[in-house]
C-alpha atoms as a PDB file:
ATOM      1  CA  MET A   1       9.673  19.203  82.125  1.00  0.00           C
ATOM      2  CA  ALA A   2       9.672  19.563  78.323  1.00  0.00           C
ATOM      3  CA  GLY A   3      12.357  22.305  78.609  1.00  0.00           C
ATOM      4  CA  THR A   4      14.489  19.956  80.588  1.00  0.00           C
ATOM      5  CA  ILE A   5      14.181  17.197  77.962  1.00  0.00           C
ATOM      6  CA  VAL A   6      15.122  19.518  75.231  1.00  0.00           C
ATOM      7  CA  TYR A   7      18.182  20.910  77.188  1.00  0.00           C
ATOM      8  CA  TYR A   8      19.422  17.366  77.760  1.00  0.00           C
ATOM      9  CA  TYR A   9      18.915  16.424  74.147  1.00  0.00           C
ATOM     10  CA  TRP A  10      21.037  19.318  72.932  1.00  0.00           C
ATOM     11  CA  LYS A  11      23.823  18.799  75.485  1.00  0.00           C
ATOM     12  CA  VAL A  12      24.101  15.034  76.239  1.00  0.00           C
ATOM     13  CA  ASP A  13      26.631  14.535  73.268  1.00  0.00           C
ATOM     14  CA  ASP A  14      28.974  17.326  74.505  1.00  0.00           C
ATOM     15  CA  PHE A  15      28.774  15.762  78.102  1.00  0.00           C
ATOM     16  CA  LEU A  16      29.540  12.418  76.993  1.00  0.00           C
ATOM     17  CA  ILE A  17      32.610  13.410  74.772  1.00  0.00           C
ATOM     18  CA  GLY A  18      34.021  15.404  77.554  1.00  0.00           C
ATOM     19  CA  ARG A  19      33.760  12.460  79.907  1.00  0.00           C
ATOM     20  CA  MET A  20      34.901   9.793  77.579  1.00  0.00           C
ATOM     21  CA  LEU A  21      37.514  11.500  75.303  1.00  0.00           C
ATOM     22  CA  GLY A  22      38.506  14.620  77.202  1.00  0.00           C
ATOM     23  CA  ASN A  23      38.625  18.412  76.661  1.00  0.00           C
ATOM     24  CA  GLU A  24      40.740  18.412  73.433  1.00  0.00           C
ATOM     25  CA  GLN A  25      38.224  16.249  71.503  1.00  0.00           C
ATOM     26  CA  LEU A  26      35.334  18.206  73.126  1.00  0.00           C
ATOM     27  CA  GLY A  27      36.915  21.366  71.744  1.00  0.00           C
ATOM     28  CA  TYR A  28      37.121  19.940  68.212  1.00  0.00           C
ATOM     29  CA  TYR A  29      33.549  18.818  68.469  1.00  0.00           C
ATOM     30  CA  TYR A  30      31.773  21.639  70.273  1.00  0.00           C
ATOM     31  CA  TYR A  31      33.678  24.875  69.440  1.00  0.00           C
ATOM     32  CA  LEU A  32      34.024  24.097  65.724  1.00  0.00           C
ATOM     33  CA  ALA A  33      32.279  21.073  64.354  1.00  0.00           C
ATOM     34  CA  PHE A  34      28.978  21.768  66.209  1.00  0.00           C
ATOM     35  CA  ARG A  35      29.239  25.597  66.568  1.00  0.00           C
ATOM     36  CA  ILE A  36      29.330  26.480  62.860  1.00  0.00           C
ATOM     37  CA  PRO A  37      26.277  24.515  61.822  1.00  0.00           C
ATOM     38  CA  GLU A  38      24.443  25.800  64.902  1.00  0.00           C
ATOM     39  CA  TYR A  39      24.759  29.431  63.428  1.00  0.00           C
ATOM     40  CA  MET A  40      22.665  28.248  60.531  1.00  0.00           C
ATOM     41  CA  PHE A  41      20.130  26.845  62.915  1.00  0.00           C
ATOM     42  CA  PHE A  42      19.899  30.201  64.709  1.00  0.00           C
ATOM     43  CA  ILE A  43      18.324  31.692  61.562  1.00  0.00           C
ATOM     44  CA  LYS A  44      15.361  29.272  61.901  1.00  0.00           C
ATOM     45  CA  ALA A  45      15.164  29.780  65.786  1.00  0.00           C
ATOM     46  CA  ALA A  46      14.950  33.564  65.355  1.00  0.00           C
ATOM     47  CA  LEU A  47      11.999  33.037  63.069  1.00  0.00           C
ATOM     48  CA  GLY A  48      10.224  30.501  65.198  1.00  0.00           C
ATOM     49  CA  CYS A  49       8.074  32.777  67.035  1.00  0.00           C
ATOM     50  CA  LEU A  50       7.022  34.545  63.784  1.00  0.00           C
ATOM     51  CA  ILE A  51       6.292  31.232  62.108  1.00  0.00           C
ATOM     52  CA  PHE A  52       4.215  29.973  65.039  1.00  0.00           C
ATOM     53  CA  THR A  53       2.221  33.323  65.197  1.00  0.00           C
ATOM     54  CA  THR A  54       1.694  33.177  61.377  1.00  0.00           C
ATOM     55  CA  LEU A  55       0.324  29.670  61.363  1.00  0.00           C
ATOM     56  CA  CYS A  56      -1.984  30.407  64.306  1.00  0.00           C
ATOM     57  CA  ARG A  57      -3.345  33.330  62.434  1.00  0.00           C
ATOM     58  CA  LEU A  58      -4.202  31.216  59.414  1.00  0.00           C
ATOM     59  CA  SER A  59      -7.563  29.783  60.557  1.00  0.00           C
ATOM     60  CA  ASP A  60      -7.964  27.771  57.526  1.00  0.00           C
ATOM     61  CA  GLN A  61      -6.186  24.473  57.899  1.00  0.00           C
ATOM     62  CA  GLU A  62      -5.487  24.275  54.112  1.00  0.00           C
ATOM     63  CA  LYS A  63      -3.720  27.452  54.295  1.00  0.00           C
ATOM     64  CA  GLN A  64      -1.741  26.389  57.270  1.00  0.00           C
ATOM     65  CA  LEU A  65      -0.562  23.193  55.312  1.00  0.00           C
ATOM     66  CA  GLU A  66       0.268  25.602  52.473  1.00  0.00           C
ATOM     67  CA  GLY A  67       2.285  27.693  54.580  1.00  0.00           C
ATOM     68  CA  TYR A  68       4.112  24.541  56.044  1.00  0.00           C
ATOM     69  CA  ALA A  69       4.780  23.458  52.549  1.00  0.00           C
ATOM     70  CA  VAL A  70       6.316  26.805  51.578  1.00  0.00           C
ATOM     71  CA  LEU A  71       8.621  26.914  54.666  1.00  0.00           C
ATOM     72  CA  THR A  72       9.689  23.371  54.159  1.00  0.00           C
ATOM     73  CA  ARG A  73      10.528  23.655  50.514  1.00  0.00           C
ATOM     74  CA  LEU A  74      12.167  27.053  50.945  1.00  0.00           C
ATOM     75  CA  SER A  75      14.313  25.756  53.769  1.00  0.00           C
ATOM     76  CA  THR A  76      15.448  22.830  51.800  1.00  0.00           C
ATOM     77  CA  VAL A  77      16.617  25.210  48.934  1.00  0.00           C
ATOM     78  CA  VAL A  78      18.329  27.697  51.256  1.00  0.00           C
ATOM     79  CA  THR A  79      20.175  25.152  53.330  1.00  0.00           C
ATOM     80  CA  GLY A  80      21.178  22.932  50.451  1.00  0.00           C
ATOM     81  CA  LEU A  81      23.886  25.087  49.037  1.00  0.00           C
ATOM     82  CA  PRO A  82      25.919  25.596  52.428  1.00  0.00           C
ATOM     83  CA  VAL A  83      25.707  21.877  53.009  1.00  0.00           C
ATOM     84  CA  LEU A  84      26.935  21.045  49.531  1.00  0.00           C
ATOM     85  CA  GLY A  85      29.820  23.412  50.073  1.00  0.00           C
ATOM     86  CA  SER A  86      30.739  21.832  53.419  1.00  0.00           C
ATOM     87  CA  LEU A  87      30.680  18.387  51.896  1.00  0.00           C
ATOM     88  CA  LEU A  88      32.734  19.311  48.922  1.00  0.00           C
ATOM     89  CA  TYR A  89      35.190  21.819  50.440  1.00  0.00           C
ATOM     90  CA  GLY A  90      34.882  21.256  54.129  1.00  0.00           C
ATOM     91  CA  ASN A  91      38.524  20.377  54.546  1.00  0.00           C
ATOM     92  CA  SER A  92      39.729  23.598  52.709  1.00  0.00           C
ATOM     93  CA  ILE A  93      37.113  25.737  54.585  1.00  0.00           C
ATOM     94  CA  ILE A  94      38.285  24.638  58.016  1.00  0.00           C
ATOM     95  CA  VAL A  95      42.115  24.727  57.146  1.00  0.00           C
ATOM     96  CA  LEU A  96      41.904  28.168  55.526  1.00  0.00           C
ATOM     97  CA  LEU A  97      39.613  29.766  58.236  1.00  0.00           C
ATOM     98  CA  PHE A  98      41.085  28.183  61.458  1.00  0.00           C
ATOM     99  CA  GLY A  99      44.256  26.444  60.491  1.00  0.00           C
ATOM    100  CA  GLU A 100      45.743  22.966  60.120  1.00  0.00           C
ATOM    101  CA  GLN A 101      45.392  22.208  63.905  1.00  0.00           C
ATOM    102  CA  TRP A 102      41.594  21.958  63.437  1.00  0.00           C
ATOM    103  CA  LYS A 103      41.545  19.361  60.810  1.00  0.00           C
ATOM    104  CA  PRO A 104      40.302  16.592  63.238  1.00  0.00           C
ATOM    105  CA  ALA A 105      37.061  18.484  63.324  1.00  0.00           C
ATOM    106  CA  VAL A 106      36.401  18.426  59.535  1.00  0.00           C
ATOM    107  CA  VAL A 107      34.448  15.105  59.195  1.00  0.00           C
ATOM    108  CA  SER A 108      32.312  16.024  62.302  1.00  0.00           C
ATOM    109  CA  PHE A 109      31.586  19.474  60.898  1.00  0.00           C
ATOM    110  CA  GLN A 110      30.401  18.002  57.536  1.00  0.00           C
ATOM    111  CA  ILE A 111      28.150  15.572  59.188  1.00  0.00           C
ATOM    112  CA  LEU A 112      26.679  18.066  61.543  1.00  0.00           C
ATOM    113  CA  MET A 113      25.992  20.421  58.560  1.00  0.00           C
ATOM    114  CA  VAL A 114      23.770  17.748  57.007  1.00  0.00           C
ATOM    115  CA  THR A 115      22.128  17.039  60.476  1.00  0.00           C
ATOM    116  CA  THR A 116      21.412  20.777  60.960  1.00  0.00           C
ATOM    117  CA  ALA A 117      19.824  20.938  57.554  1.00  0.00           C
ATOM    118  CA  LEU A 118      17.525  18.080  58.213  1.00  0.00           C
ATOM    119  CA  ARG A 119      16.586  19.537  61.595  1.00  0.00           C
ATOM    120  CA  ILE A 120      15.589  22.910  59.994  1.00  0.00           C
ATOM    121  CA  VAL A 121      13.818  21.357  57.063  1.00  0.00           C
ATOM    122  CA  PHE A 122      11.769  18.940  59.024  1.00  0.00           C
ATOM    123  CA  SER A 123      11.140  21.266  62.150  1.00  0.00           C
ATOM    124  CA  TYR A 124       8.079  23.253  60.948  1.00  0.00           C
ATOM    125  CA  HIS A 125       5.811  20.379  61.661  1.00  0.00           C
ATOM    126  CA  GLY A 126       6.317  21.244  65.348  1.00  0.00           C
ATOM    127  CA  ASP A 127       4.939  24.740  64.922  1.00  0.00           C
ATOM    128  CA  LEU A 128       2.029  23.423  62.945  1.00  0.00           C
ATOM    129  CA  LEU A 129       1.078  20.895  65.622  1.00  0.00           C
ATOM    130  CA  LYS A 130       1.482  23.538  68.267  1.00  0.00           C
ATOM    131  CA  SER A 131      -0.666  25.864  66.392  1.00  0.00           C
ATOM    132  CA  ARG A 132      -3.444  23.287  66.494  1.00  0.00           C
ATOM    133  CA  GLY A 133      -3.027  22.552  70.289  1.00  0.00           C
ATOM    134  CA  LEU A 134      -1.052  19.362  70.039  1.00  0.00           C
ATOM    135  CA  THR A 135       1.711  20.552  72.222  1.00  0.00           C
ATOM    136  CA  TRP A 136       2.130  17.165  73.859  1.00  0.00           C
ATOM    137  CA  THR A 137       3.642  15.703  70.677  1.00  0.00           C
ATOM    138  CA  ILE A 138       6.809  17.806  71.032  1.00  0.00           C
ATOM    139  CA  PRO A 139       7.992  16.492  74.412  1.00  0.00           C
ATOM    140  CA  VAL A 140       7.148  12.925  73.415  1.00  0.00           C
ATOM    141  CA  ALA A 141       9.241  13.089  70.170  1.00  0.00           C
ATOM    142  CA  THR A 142      12.101  14.954  72.040  1.00  0.00           C
ATOM    143  CA  ALA A 143      12.259  12.262  74.740  1.00  0.00           C
ATOM    144  CA  GLN A 144      12.415   9.482  72.234  1.00  0.00           C
ATOM    145  CA  ASN A 145      15.259  11.180  70.300  1.00  0.00           C
ATOM    146  CA  ALA A 146      17.023  11.946  73.630  1.00  0.00           C
ATOM    147  CA  VAL A 147      16.990   8.209  74.596  1.00  0.00           C
ATOM    148  CA  ILE A 148      18.199   7.176  71.120  1.00  0.00           C
ATOM    149  CA  LEU A 149      20.971   9.801  71.070  1.00  0.00           C
ATOM    150  CA  THR A 150      22.145   8.822  74.503  1.00  0.00           C
ATOM    151  CA  LEU A 151      22.597   5.218  73.537  1.00  0.00           C
ATOM    152  CA  LEU A 152      24.148   5.848  70.254  1.00  0.00           C
ATOM    153  CA  VAL A 153      26.741   8.476  71.466  1.00  0.00           C
ATOM    154  CA  TRP A 154      27.459   6.303  74.573  1.00  0.00           C
ATOM    155  CA  TYR A 155      28.241   3.296  72.293  1.00  0.00           C
ATOM    156  CA  LEU A 156      29.913   5.085  69.414  1.00  0.00           C
ATOM    157  CA  THR A 157      32.041   7.841  70.838  1.00  0.00           C
ATOM    158  CA  PRO A 158      34.691   5.836  73.073  1.00  0.00           C
ATOM    159  CA  ARG A 159      34.985   3.211  70.157  1.00  0.00           C
ATOM    160  CA  TYR A 160      35.330   5.529  67.087  1.00  0.00           C
ATOM    161  CA  GLY A 161      35.694   9.116  68.075  1.00  0.00           C
ATOM    162  CA  ILE A 162      33.939  12.425  67.482  1.00  0.00           C
ATOM    163  CA  ALA A 163      33.151  11.669  63.734  1.00  0.00           C
ATOM    164  CA  TRP A 164      30.854   8.990  64.967  1.00  0.00           C
ATOM    165  CA  THR A 165      29.491  11.088  67.772  1.00  0.00           C
ATOM    166  CA  ALA A 166      28.208  13.306  64.962  1.00  0.00           C
ATOM    167  CA  THR A 167      27.078  10.251  62.999  1.00  0.00           C
ATOM    168  CA  GLY A 168      25.061   9.234  66.192  1.00  0.00           C
ATOM    169  CA  VAL A 169      23.362  12.570  66.035  1.00  0.00           C
ATOM    170  CA  LEU A 170      22.522  12.246  62.459  1.00  0.00           C
ATOM    171  CA  LEU A 171      21.132   8.704  62.913  1.00  0.00           C
ATOM    172  CA  THR A 172      19.046  10.000  65.753  1.00  0.00           C
ATOM    173  CA  ILE A 173      17.342  12.265  63.390  1.00  0.00           C
ATOM    174  CA  VAL A 174      16.777   9.475  60.947  1.00  0.00           C
ATOM    175  CA  ALA A 175      15.570   7.146  63.588  1.00  0.00           C
ATOM    176  CA  GLY A 176      13.139   9.803  65.130  1.00  0.00           C
ATOM    177  CA  MET A 177      11.504  10.323  61.723  1.00  0.00           C
ATOM    178  CA  PRO A 178       8.895   7.423  61.837  1.00  0.00           C
ATOM    179  CA  LEU A 179       7.245   9.017  65.097  1.00  0.00           C
ATOM    180  CA  THR A 180       7.377  12.471  63.530  1.00  0.00           C
ATOM    181  CA  LEU A 181       5.692  11.180  60.294  1.00  0.00           C
ATOM    182  CA  TYR A 182       2.982   9.208  62.446  1.00  0.00           C
ATOM    183  CA  PHE A 183       2.155  12.508  64.221  1.00  0.00           C
ATOM    184  CA  TYR A 184       2.107  14.343  60.935  1.00  0.00           C
ATOM    185  CA  LEU A 185      -0.053  11.921  58.981  1.00  0.00           C
ATOM    186  CA  ARG A 186      -2.373  11.205  61.943  1.00  0.00           C
ATOM    187  CA  HIS A 187      -3.131  14.696  62.923  1.00  0.00           C
ATOM    188  CA  LEU A 188      -2.305  16.814  59.745  1.00  0.00           C
ATOM    189  CA  GLY A 189      -3.062  14.488  56.968  1.00  0.00           C
ATOM    190  CA  ASP A 190      -0.029  15.249  54.742  1.00  0.00           C
ATOM    191  CA  HIS A 191       3.307  13.835  54.064  1.00  0.00           C
ATOM    192  CA  PRO A 192       6.277  16.128  54.507  1.00  0.00           C
ATOM    193  CA  PHE A 193       8.639  14.237  52.215  1.00  0.00           C
ATOM    194  CA  ARG A 194       6.727  15.259  49.109  1.00  0.00           C
ATOM    195  CA  HIS A 195       7.834  18.908  49.698  1.00  0.00           C
ATOM    196  CA  VAL A 196      11.542  18.121  49.654  1.00  0.00           C
ATOM    197  CA  LEU A 197      11.882  15.453  46.891  1.00  0.00           C
ATOM    198  CA  ARG A 198      12.615  17.731  43.986  1.00  0.00           C
ATOM    199  CA  PRO A 199      14.892  20.096  46.061  1.00  0.00           C
ATOM    200  CA  GLY A 200      16.666  17.041  47.332  1.00  0.00           C
ATOM    201  CA  LEU A 201      17.236  15.723  43.805  1.00  0.00           C
ATOM    202  CA  VAL A 202      18.692  19.135  42.944  1.00  0.00           C
ATOM    203  CA  CYS A 203      21.136  18.814  45.782  1.00  0.00           C
ATOM    204  CA  ALA A 204      22.176  15.342  44.687  1.00  0.00           C
ATOM    205  CA  LEU A 205      22.778  16.347  41.061  1.00  0.00           C
ATOM    206  CA  THR A 206      24.714  19.381  42.001  1.00  0.00           C
ATOM    207  CA  TYR A 207      26.902  17.319  44.398  1.00  0.00           C
ATOM    208  CA  GLY A 208      27.777  15.126  41.517  1.00  0.00           C
ATOM    209  CA  VAL A 209      28.738  18.026  39.337  1.00  0.00           C
ATOM    210  CA  GLY A 210      30.728  19.654  42.214  1.00  0.00           C
ATOM    211  CA  TRP A 211      32.658  16.288  42.901  1.00  0.00           C
ATOM    212  CA  VAL A 212      33.676  16.195  39.253  1.00  0.00           C
ATOM    213  CA  MET A 213      34.866  19.814  39.320  1.00  0.00           C
ATOM    214  CA  ARG A 214      36.768  19.334  42.537  1.00  0.00           C
ATOM    215  CA  GLY A 215      38.728  16.471  41.135  1.00  0.00           C
ATOM    216  CA  SER A 216      39.512  18.174  37.754  1.00  0.00           C
ATOM    217  CA  LEU A 217      41.108  21.351  39.025  1.00  0.00           C
ATOM    218  CA  PRO A 218      44.392  21.989  40.922  1.00  0.00           C
ATOM    219  CA  TRP A 219      44.003  23.179  44.615  1.00  0.00           C
ATOM    220  CA  SER A 220      44.244  26.840  45.061  1.00  0.00           C
ATOM    221  CA  ILE A 221      42.311  29.527  46.725  1.00  0.00           C
ATOM    222  CA  ALA A 222      41.395  30.936  43.421  1.00  0.00           C
ATOM    223  CA  SER A 223      40.168  27.708  42.101  1.00  0.00           C
ATOM    224  CA  HIS A 224      38.051  27.044  45.195  1.00  0.00           C
ATOM    225  CA  VAL A 225      36.487  30.479  44.918  1.00  0.00           C
ATOM    226  CA  GLY A 226      35.775  29.739  41.227  1.00  0.00           C
ATOM    227  CA  GLN A 227      34.401  26.401  41.960  1.00  0.00           C
ATOM    228  CA  GLY A 228      32.181  27.800  44.653  1.00  0.00           C
ATOM    229  CA  VAL A 229      30.685  30.422  42.188  1.00  0.00           C
ATOM    230  CA  ALA A 230      30.275  27.809  39.550  1.00  0.00           C
ATOM    231  CA  LEU A 231      28.586  25.379  42.040  1.00  0.00           C
ATOM    232  CA  ALA A 232      26.144  28.052  42.948  1.00  0.00           C
ATOM    233  CA  ALA A 233      25.316  28.772  39.329  1.00  0.00           C
ATOM    234  CA  VAL A 234      24.896  25.021  38.708  1.00  0.00           C
ATOM    235  CA  TYR A 235      22.607  24.674  41.799  1.00  0.00           C
ATOM    236  CA  ALA A 236      20.495  27.583  40.558  1.00  0.00           C
ATOM    237  CA  GLY A 237      20.269  26.058  37.118  1.00  0.00           C
ATOM    238  CA  PHE A 238      19.138  22.735  38.363  1.00  0.00           C
ATOM    239  CA  ILE A 239      16.306  24.368  40.587  1.00  0.00           C
ATOM    240  CA  TRP A 240      15.170  26.361  37.534  1.00  0.00           C
ATOM    241  CA  ALA A 241      15.116  23.303  35.336  1.00  0.00           C
ATOM    242  CA  LEU A 242      13.845  20.760  37.832  1.00  0.00           C
ATOM    243  CA  ASP A 243      12.078  22.431  40.492  1.00  0.00           C
ATOM    244  CA  ARG A 244      10.052  25.431  39.287  1.00  0.00           C
ATOM    245  CA  ARG A 245       7.754  25.282  42.283  1.00  0.00           C
ATOM    246  CA  SER A 246      10.586  26.315  44.407  1.00  0.00           C
ATOM    247  CA  VAL A 247      11.344  29.310  42.111  1.00  0.00           C
ATOM    248  CA  GLU A 248       7.605  30.162  42.476  1.00  0.00           C
ATOM    249  CA  VAL A 249       7.993  29.940  46.402  1.00  0.00           C
ATOM    250  CA  VAL A 250      10.927  32.336  46.326  1.00  0.00           C
ATOM    251  CA  ARG A 251       8.977  34.690  44.137  1.00  0.00           C
ATOM    252  CA  GLU A 252       5.938  34.570  46.287  1.00  0.00           C
ATOM    253  CA  VAL A 253       7.969  35.136  49.507  1.00  0.00           C
ATOM    254  CA  LEU A 254       9.948  38.097  47.903  1.00  0.00           C
ATOM    255  CA  THR A 255       6.762  39.689  46.659  1.00  0.00           C
ATOM    256  CA  GLU A 256       4.974  38.966  49.980  1.00  0.00           C
ATOM    257  CA  LYS A 257       2.046  37.024  48.201  1.00  0.00           C
ATOM    258  CA  GLU A 258      -0.384  34.640  49.741  1.00  0.00           C
ATOM    259  CA  PHE A 259       1.565  33.205  52.735  1.00  0.00           C
ATOM    260  CA  SER A 260       2.288  36.566  54.356  1.00  0.00           C
ATOM    261  CA  ARG A 261      -1.375  37.362  54.104  1.00  0.00           C
END
C-alpha cells in the first residue's frame, strides 16, 4: 500500500500534464525539467540504505540525532551550489546543452531544482523515524502530499502551464512541512530548521552576489564559465566566514570521524 502511494505521488504530475497539455509539454517537463534534478536525487537514494543502516546501528538516540544533523547540514551545503547555478544560469545551461528548442522547460527546471534540494535536505527524518520503528509516519505524510499535489497540479496545470505544475510540486513540499515537523518534534524532540539556517543564509548571500555578477558582464561562454568559478569561490568563502560548523562537518566526514563510528 505504501509503495503504491509513493508511486502515485511521484507520477501524478506527469500523468496530468500528458492528459491536460499533451505529449509536447510532457516532454519539456519530464524529459528535461524533471529528469535533470532527479539525477541529483539519485545520489541521496543510492545512499538511503547505508544511511538507514547507520542510524539503526547508533543505539544512542543523541548519536542518531547528531548523525541526522550532519546529513541535513551537509546536504544543504552540497545541493546549494547546483541550485544557485540553475537559478542564475538555467537558461544558458539548457540552451547550450540541449538547444533553443528546449527553452520552454527552463523555468520548470529551475523550480524543480529547488524542489529536489528541499526533498533531499528534509528527507533524512524519514530514515531516523524508521530506525525507531515509526514506519507508519511515512505513508501518512506521503498520502497527505499526494492529495495536495493532485489538487494543485489539477488546478494550476491547464490554466498556467508546466511552470506552474513545477510550482505546485514545490508548494506541496512546503504545505507538507507542518506534518513533518509535528512528527519530528513529537517523536524526536528536535527542530530540523536549525540545521539549515546558516547554510541557507550562505545560499541567499551567494545568490545576491551572483545576480550582480550576471548583470555586469556580457554574455559569452567564457564569461559564464568564469562567473561559475567565481560563484563557487564566493560560496566557499561565505561558508568559511558564516558557517564554520559546516566546514567542521565536511572535515569530520572526510576524515571519517565520529559519525562513521
